[in-house]
């Protein structure tokens, strides 16, 4: 079965850079067809397959570039028959509706051996607010329909503007993965991994650890806090403990991170914390990975991930304070 990825972007958002990174670093070994432009348009020079409605040109690494015209299903089927690609990347024009392209793929999926693999929208972090205001219908459709939203130019945009863009995007699409780390700092393999599989649920993983640790009502609590409520018979950990999570584009200094984690591990300043984990970037591009249980903190440096993440498990968590300290 051929995988189909739709990668949209609004007026020079940086989708070409994103596609290039995928082609060169992640799927160089695959046979790929890249379909450019909105259906019905012809905008690529090259040889023309007679009566096929497809304009084709050869590209490097086994990649074929084409524009479909006329009937989408027939044209796509002809491309698949001629080239037998592993993957098709569709790059709609900037004013195309992502939902329309997704529907077109789903409509033909029952007739030909293809599956919609990913729907990605690349958004210029500096222009998100302006585009949302001025081009609402088309721009918002790309955001609302995407499974993954890549913020471009986060390395040059003001931090407040990036955070504002993330907030506005979240209001339109609460479920999509939002990538705020500069594209250049991520590998093509990392980006493909986000597209191809659901993201890990850090909160669920940590809660599972807490469940295993607090499974017996007679078990002593090792964390030094008075968690008398977790000994209630018949209560699962997810009933008495809560999880709080945050994805953030904000940077944090090592000094500030040390201070915050010290409070989380050794006091009740942010509530009664049993477990915390996260990955956050410093302003210089260093990424800190931290892991915390009461009275014990581990911090190490690691590779960039798609955006900063924090998760805290405990009881009586002061969520507003946690959001203030990690989100600012």
Protein backbone atom coordinates (compact mmCIF):
# COMPACT_ATOMS: atom_id res chain seq x y z
CA UNK A 1 0.00 0.00 0.00
CA UNK A 2 1.28 3.46 -0.91
CA UNK A 3 1.41 6.02 1.89
CA UNK A 4 0.13 9.51 1.13
CA UNK A 5 1.32 12.53 3.11
CA UNK A 6 -0.26 15.94 2.52
CA UNK A 7 2.00 18.86 3.44
CA UNK A 8 0.36 22.27 3.24
CA UNK A 9 1.56 25.74 4.08
CA UNK A 10 0.34 29.28 3.59
CA UNK A 11 2.26 31.65 1.30
CA UNK A 12 5.90 30.72 1.75
CA UNK A 13 5.61 29.31 5.26
CA UNK A 14 8.62 27.07 4.76
CA UNK A 15 7.01 23.82 3.60
CA UNK A 16 9.65 23.39 0.87
CA UNK A 17 12.38 23.31 3.54
CA UNK A 18 10.37 20.78 5.51
CA UNK A 19 9.77 18.54 2.48
CA UNK A 20 13.44 18.76 1.47
CA UNK A 21 14.54 17.60 4.92
CA UNK A 22 12.17 14.62 4.73
CA UNK A 23 13.35 13.69 1.24
CA UNK A 24 17.05 14.01 2.00
CA UNK A 25 17.23 12.67 5.55
CA UNK A 26 14.26 10.41 6.25
CA UNK A 27 12.92 8.83 3.07
CA UNK A 28 15.94 8.96 0.75
CA UNK A 29 15.73 5.19 0.29
CA UNK A 30 12.08 5.25 -0.70
CA UNK A 31 10.58 5.73 -4.13
CA UNK A 32 8.62 8.96 -3.76
CA UNK A 33 6.20 10.86 -5.94
CA UNK A 34 5.92 14.54 -5.07
CA UNK A 35 2.72 16.14 -6.34
CA UNK A 36 2.95 19.91 -6.40
CA UNK A 37 0.36 22.63 -6.77
CA UNK A 38 -3.39 22.60 -6.46
CA UNK A 39 -5.34 20.14 -8.59
CA UNK A 40 -6.22 21.72 -11.92
CA UNK A 41 -3.06 23.80 -12.13
CA UNK A 42 0.01 23.13 -14.21
CA UNK A 43 3.12 24.84 -12.95
CA UNK A 44 6.07 22.56 -13.60
CA UNK A 45 8.22 22.39 -16.73
CA UNK A 46 9.00 18.96 -18.07
CA UNK A 47 7.78 16.11 -20.21
CA UNK A 48 4.07 15.46 -20.43
CA UNK A 49 2.44 12.04 -20.35
CA UNK A 50 -0.04 12.08 -23.23
CA UNK A 51 -3.71 12.21 -22.24
CA UNK A 52 -2.87 11.43 -18.63
CA UNK A 53 -3.44 14.85 -17.10
CA UNK A 54 -0.07 14.56 -15.39
CA UNK A 55 2.99 16.68 -15.91
CA UNK A 56 6.12 14.93 -14.76
CA UNK A 57 9.78 15.66 -14.14
CA UNK A 58 12.45 13.41 -12.70
CA UNK A 59 14.07 14.39 -9.42
CA UNK A 60 16.95 13.00 -7.38
CA UNK A 61 16.85 9.97 -5.05
CA UNK A 62 14.15 8.20 -7.00
CA UNK A 63 11.70 11.06 -6.51
CA UNK A 64 9.22 11.99 -9.21
CA UNK A 65 7.66 15.46 -9.25
CA UNK A 66 4.34 16.06 -10.94
CA UNK A 67 1.20 18.18 -11.15
CA UNK A 68 -2.16 16.48 -11.42
CA UNK A 69 -4.80 18.00 -13.62
CA UNK A 70 -8.30 16.82 -14.39
CA UNK A 71 -9.70 13.88 -12.47
CA UNK A 72 -7.69 13.37 -9.29
CA UNK A 73 -8.45 9.69 -8.78
CA UNK A 74 -7.66 8.71 -12.38
CA UNK A 75 -4.47 10.75 -12.45
CA UNK A 76 -3.26 9.41 -9.12
CA UNK A 77 -4.00 5.83 -10.16
CA UNK A 78 -1.95 6.37 -13.33
CA UNK A 79 1.00 7.74 -11.36
CA UNK A 80 0.87 4.73 -9.02
CA UNK A 81 0.71 2.29 -11.92
CA UNK A 82 3.58 3.91 -13.81
CA UNK A 83 5.98 4.51 -10.91
CA UNK A 84 4.84 2.13 -8.10
CA UNK A 85 6.01 4.56 -5.39
CA UNK A 86 6.37 3.74 -1.70
CA UNK A 87 5.06 7.16 -0.79
CA UNK A 88 3.25 10.10 -2.36
CA UNK A 89 3.74 13.60 -0.95
CA UNK A 90 1.06 16.08 -1.99
CA UNK A 91 1.95 19.75 -1.65
CA UNK A 92 -1.21 21.83 -2.22
CA UNK A 93 -0.93 25.46 -3.23
CA UNK A 94 -0.97 28.01 -0.42
CA UNK A 95 -4.66 28.85 -0.73
CA UNK A 96 -5.90 25.28 -1.00
CA UNK A 97 -8.09 23.80 1.70
CA UNK A 98 -6.33 20.94 3.42
CA UNK A 99 -9.67 19.30 4.22
CA UNK A 100 -10.54 19.18 0.49
CA UNK A 101 -7.27 17.46 -0.39
CA UNK A 102 -7.71 14.98 2.48
CA UNK A 103 -11.24 14.20 1.28
CA UNK A 104 -9.99 13.65 -2.26
CA UNK A 105 -7.44 11.12 -0.99
CA UNK A 106 -9.98 9.34 1.21
CA UNK A 107 -12.46 9.20 -1.67
CA UNK A 108 -10.01 7.28 -3.86
CA UNK A 109 -8.54 5.13 -1.04
CA UNK A 110 -11.33 2.61 -1.49
CA UNK A 111 -10.63 2.27 -5.21
CA UNK A 112 -6.83 2.22 -5.32
CA UNK A 113 -4.27 0.86 -2.87
CA UNK A 114 -3.40 4.05 -0.97
CA UNK A 115 -3.75 5.25 2.62
CA UNK A 116 -3.67 8.76 4.05
CA UNK A 117 -0.60 8.61 6.27
CA UNK A 118 -0.18 12.19 7.48
CA UNK A 119 -1.66 15.67 7.19
CA UNK A 120 0.89 18.36 8.00
CA UNK A 121 0.63 22.15 7.96
CA UNK A 122 3.67 24.42 8.10
CA UNK A 123 2.95 27.82 9.71
CA UNK A 124 5.19 30.89 9.80
CA UNK A 125 5.37 31.69 13.53
CA UNK A 126 5.81 35.40 12.80
CA UNK A 127 2.74 35.68 10.56
CA UNK A 128 0.28 33.29 12.20
CA UNK A 129 -1.79 35.97 13.92
CA UNK A 130 -1.95 38.17 10.82
CA UNK A 131 -2.90 35.32 8.50
CA UNK A 132 -5.51 34.04 10.92
CA UNK A 133 -7.10 37.48 10.94
CA UNK A 134 -6.82 38.29 7.23
CA UNK A 135 -7.22 34.89 5.59
CA UNK A 136 -9.34 33.15 8.19
CA UNK A 137 -11.21 30.56 6.14
CA UNK A 138 -8.31 29.10 4.17
CA UNK A 139 -5.63 29.54 6.82
CA UNK A 140 -7.73 28.17 9.66
CA UNK A 141 -8.82 25.19 7.57
CA UNK A 142 -5.19 24.15 7.18
CA UNK A 143 -4.68 24.40 10.94
CA UNK A 144 -7.94 22.68 11.91
CA UNK A 145 -7.40 19.75 9.53
CA UNK A 146 -3.76 18.98 10.35
CA UNK A 147 -2.52 16.13 12.51
CA UNK A 148 0.85 17.84 12.82
CA UNK A 149 1.58 21.58 12.74
CA UNK A 150 5.15 22.74 12.17
CA UNK A 151 5.98 26.29 13.24
CA UNK A 152 8.70 27.66 10.98
CA UNK A 153 11.10 30.53 11.72
CA UNK A 154 10.90 29.96 15.47
CA UNK A 155 14.66 30.54 15.58
CA UNK A 156 14.24 34.18 14.49
CA UNK A 157 10.76 34.98 15.85
CA UNK A 158 10.18 36.73 19.15
CA UNK A 159 9.54 34.20 21.95
CA UNK A 160 6.28 35.91 22.94
CA UNK A 161 5.07 35.80 19.33
CA UNK A 162 5.82 32.07 19.10
CA UNK A 163 3.98 31.39 22.37
CA UNK A 164 1.02 33.45 21.13
CA UNK A 165 0.96 31.52 17.85
CA UNK A 166 0.93 28.20 19.72
CA UNK A 167 -1.96 29.40 21.88
CA UNK A 168 -3.99 30.54 18.86
CA UNK A 169 -3.32 27.26 17.04
CA UNK A 170 -4.30 25.23 20.10
CA UNK A 171 -7.67 27.00 20.19
CA UNK A 172 -8.32 25.91 16.60
CA UNK A 173 -6.84 22.44 16.92
CA UNK A 174 -6.35 21.00 20.43
CA UNK A 175 -5.23 17.56 19.23
CA UNK A 176 -2.48 18.19 16.67
CA UNK A 177 1.20 17.77 17.49
CA UNK A 178 2.75 21.26 17.37
CA UNK A 179 6.44 21.41 16.45
CA UNK A 180 8.09 24.57 17.81
CA UNK A 181 11.75 23.50 17.74
CA UNK A 182 13.50 25.04 14.68
CA UNK A 183 13.28 22.62 11.75
CA UNK A 184 17.05 22.76 11.27
CA UNK A 185 17.56 21.40 14.81
CA UNK A 186 15.47 18.27 14.17
CA UNK A 187 16.41 15.34 12.00
CA UNK A 188 14.25 14.19 9.13
CA UNK A 189 13.86 10.88 10.96
CA UNK A 190 12.44 12.66 14.01
CA UNK A 191 9.94 14.55 11.85
CA UNK A 192 8.90 11.37 10.04
CA UNK A 193 8.52 9.59 13.37
CA UNK A 194 6.05 12.26 14.52
CA UNK A 195 4.08 11.94 11.27
CA UNK A 196 4.03 8.14 11.25
CA UNK A 197 3.01 7.25 14.79
CA UNK A 198 1.00 8.74 17.65
CA UNK A 199 3.15 10.69 20.06
CA UNK A 200 4.06 9.12 23.38
CA UNK A 201 1.72 10.03 26.22
CA UNK A 202 4.10 11.10 28.95
CA UNK A 203 1.29 11.61 31.47
CA UNK A 204 -0.07 8.08 30.94
CA UNK A 205 3.40 6.57 31.29
CA UNK A 206 4.15 8.43 34.52
CA UNK A 207 0.74 7.63 35.98
CA UNK A 208 1.36 3.96 35.24
CA UNK A 209 4.60 4.17 37.21
CA UNK A 210 2.77 5.78 40.13
CA UNK A 211 0.10 3.04 40.01
CA UNK A 212 2.72 0.32 40.26
CA UNK A 213 4.45 2.07 43.12
CA UNK A 214 1.29 2.71 45.16
CA UNK A 215 -0.58 -0.54 44.55
CA UNK A 216 -0.79 -1.79 48.14
CA UNK A 217 -2.75 0.04 50.82
CA UNK A 218 -0.26 -1.10 53.48
CA UNK A 219 2.80 0.00 51.53
CA UNK A 220 4.92 2.73 53.05
CA UNK A 221 5.25 5.91 51.03
CA UNK A 222 8.90 6.63 50.34
CA UNK A 223 8.48 10.21 49.29
CA UNK A 224 8.46 11.81 52.73
CA UNK A 225 5.13 13.56 52.21
CA UNK A 226 1.93 12.79 54.06
CA UNK A 227 -0.11 11.19 51.26
CA UNK A 228 -2.68 9.63 53.56
CA UNK A 229 -5.34 9.83 50.85
CA UNK A 230 -3.57 7.38 48.57
CA UNK A 231 -4.01 4.55 51.09
CA UNK A 232 -7.79 4.51 50.66
CA UNK A 233 -8.79 0.97 49.80
CA UNK A 234 -10.16 0.35 46.30
CA UNK A 235 -8.91 3.59 44.75
CA UNK A 236 -6.68 3.44 41.69
CA UNK A 237 -3.85 5.91 41.41
CA UNK A 238 -5.61 7.74 38.62
CA UNK A 239 -8.53 8.42 40.98
CA UNK A 240 -6.48 10.02 43.77
CA UNK A 241 -3.57 11.48 41.83
CA UNK A 242 -3.84 13.99 39.03
CA UNK A 243 -1.51 14.61 36.11
CA UNK A 244 -0.63 18.01 34.74
CA UNK A 245 1.12 18.48 31.42
CA UNK A 246 2.37 21.32 29.29
CA UNK A 247 3.84 21.71 25.83
CA UNK A 248 5.79 24.93 25.55
CA UNK A 249 7.94 26.85 23.09
CA UNK A 250 9.59 28.76 25.93
CA UNK A 251 13.26 28.41 26.85
CA UNK A 252 14.51 28.00 30.40
CA UNK A 253 17.95 28.63 31.90
CA UNK A 254 19.73 25.85 33.77
CA UNK A 255 19.76 28.05 36.87
CA UNK A 256 16.00 28.53 36.80
CA UNK A 257 15.37 24.87 36.03
CA UNK A 258 17.52 23.81 38.98
CA UNK A 259 15.56 26.13 41.30
CA UNK A 260 12.15 24.95 40.10
CA UNK A 261 13.04 21.27 40.32
CA UNK A 262 14.50 21.81 43.80
CA UNK A 263 11.11 23.17 44.90
CA UNK A 264 9.24 20.32 43.19
CA UNK A 265 11.40 17.65 44.82
CA UNK A 266 11.82 19.07 48.31
CA UNK A 267 8.70 21.10 49.10
CA UNK A 268 4.95 21.38 48.60
CA UNK A 269 5.26 24.74 46.84
CA UNK A 270 3.57 23.33 43.72
CA UNK A 271 1.53 20.64 45.50
CA UNK A 272 2.45 17.13 46.58
CA UNK A 273 4.57 15.91 43.69
CA UNK A 274 5.25 12.19 43.24
CA UNK A 275 6.77 12.23 39.79
CA UNK A 276 7.85 14.78 37.20
CA UNK A 277 9.53 14.51 33.86
CA UNK A 278 10.29 16.84 30.99
CA UNK A 279 12.45 18.11 28.16
CA UNK A 280 13.07 21.85 27.82
CA UNK A 281 15.47 23.97 25.75
CA UNK A 282 17.86 26.67 26.96
CA UNK A 283 18.18 29.86 24.98
CA UNK A 284 21.53 28.63 23.56
CA UNK A 285 19.87 25.55 22.07
CA UNK A 286 20.90 23.08 24.80
CA UNK A 287 18.11 20.67 25.70
CA UNK A 288 17.66 19.60 29.33
CA UNK A 289 15.97 16.27 30.09
CA UNK A 290 14.86 15.95 33.70
CA UNK A 291 13.42 13.15 35.79
CA UNK A 292 12.18 13.71 39.34
CA UNK A 293 10.87 11.78 42.31
CA UNK A 294 10.57 13.29 45.81
CA UNK A 295 13.98 14.38 47.12
CA UNK A 296 15.75 13.19 43.98
CA UNK A 297 16.37 15.03 40.70
CA UNK A 298 18.24 13.94 37.59
CA UNK A 299 19.08 16.37 34.77
CA UNK A 300 20.96 15.53 31.60
CA UNK A 301 21.38 17.08 28.17
CA UNK A 302 19.74 15.46 25.17
CA UNK A 303 18.76 15.88 21.54
CA UNK A 304 16.14 18.46 20.53
CA UNK A 305 12.55 17.22 20.38
CA UNK A 306 9.65 18.77 18.51
CA UNK A 307 8.65 21.10 21.37
CA UNK A 308 9.29 21.51 25.10
CA UNK A 309 7.30 19.12 27.32
CA UNK A 310 6.67 18.90 31.05
CA UNK A 311 4.53 16.42 32.99
CA UNK A 312 3.87 16.35 36.75
CA UNK A 313 1.97 13.66 38.70
CA UNK A 314 0.76 14.27 42.26
CA UNK A 315 -2.08 15.52 44.38
CA UNK A 316 -3.33 19.03 45.12
CA UNK A 317 -1.16 20.27 42.27
CA UNK A 318 -1.07 24.04 41.89
CA UNK A 319 -1.59 24.07 38.15
CA UNK A 320 -1.64 27.85 37.68
CA UNK A 321 1.71 28.15 39.43
CA UNK A 322 3.17 25.28 37.41
CA UNK A 323 1.99 26.87 34.18
CA UNK A 324 3.44 30.21 35.23
CA UNK A 325 6.88 28.82 36.05
CA UNK A 326 7.25 26.46 33.08
CA UNK A 327 5.28 28.39 30.50
CA UNK A 328 6.89 31.77 31.03
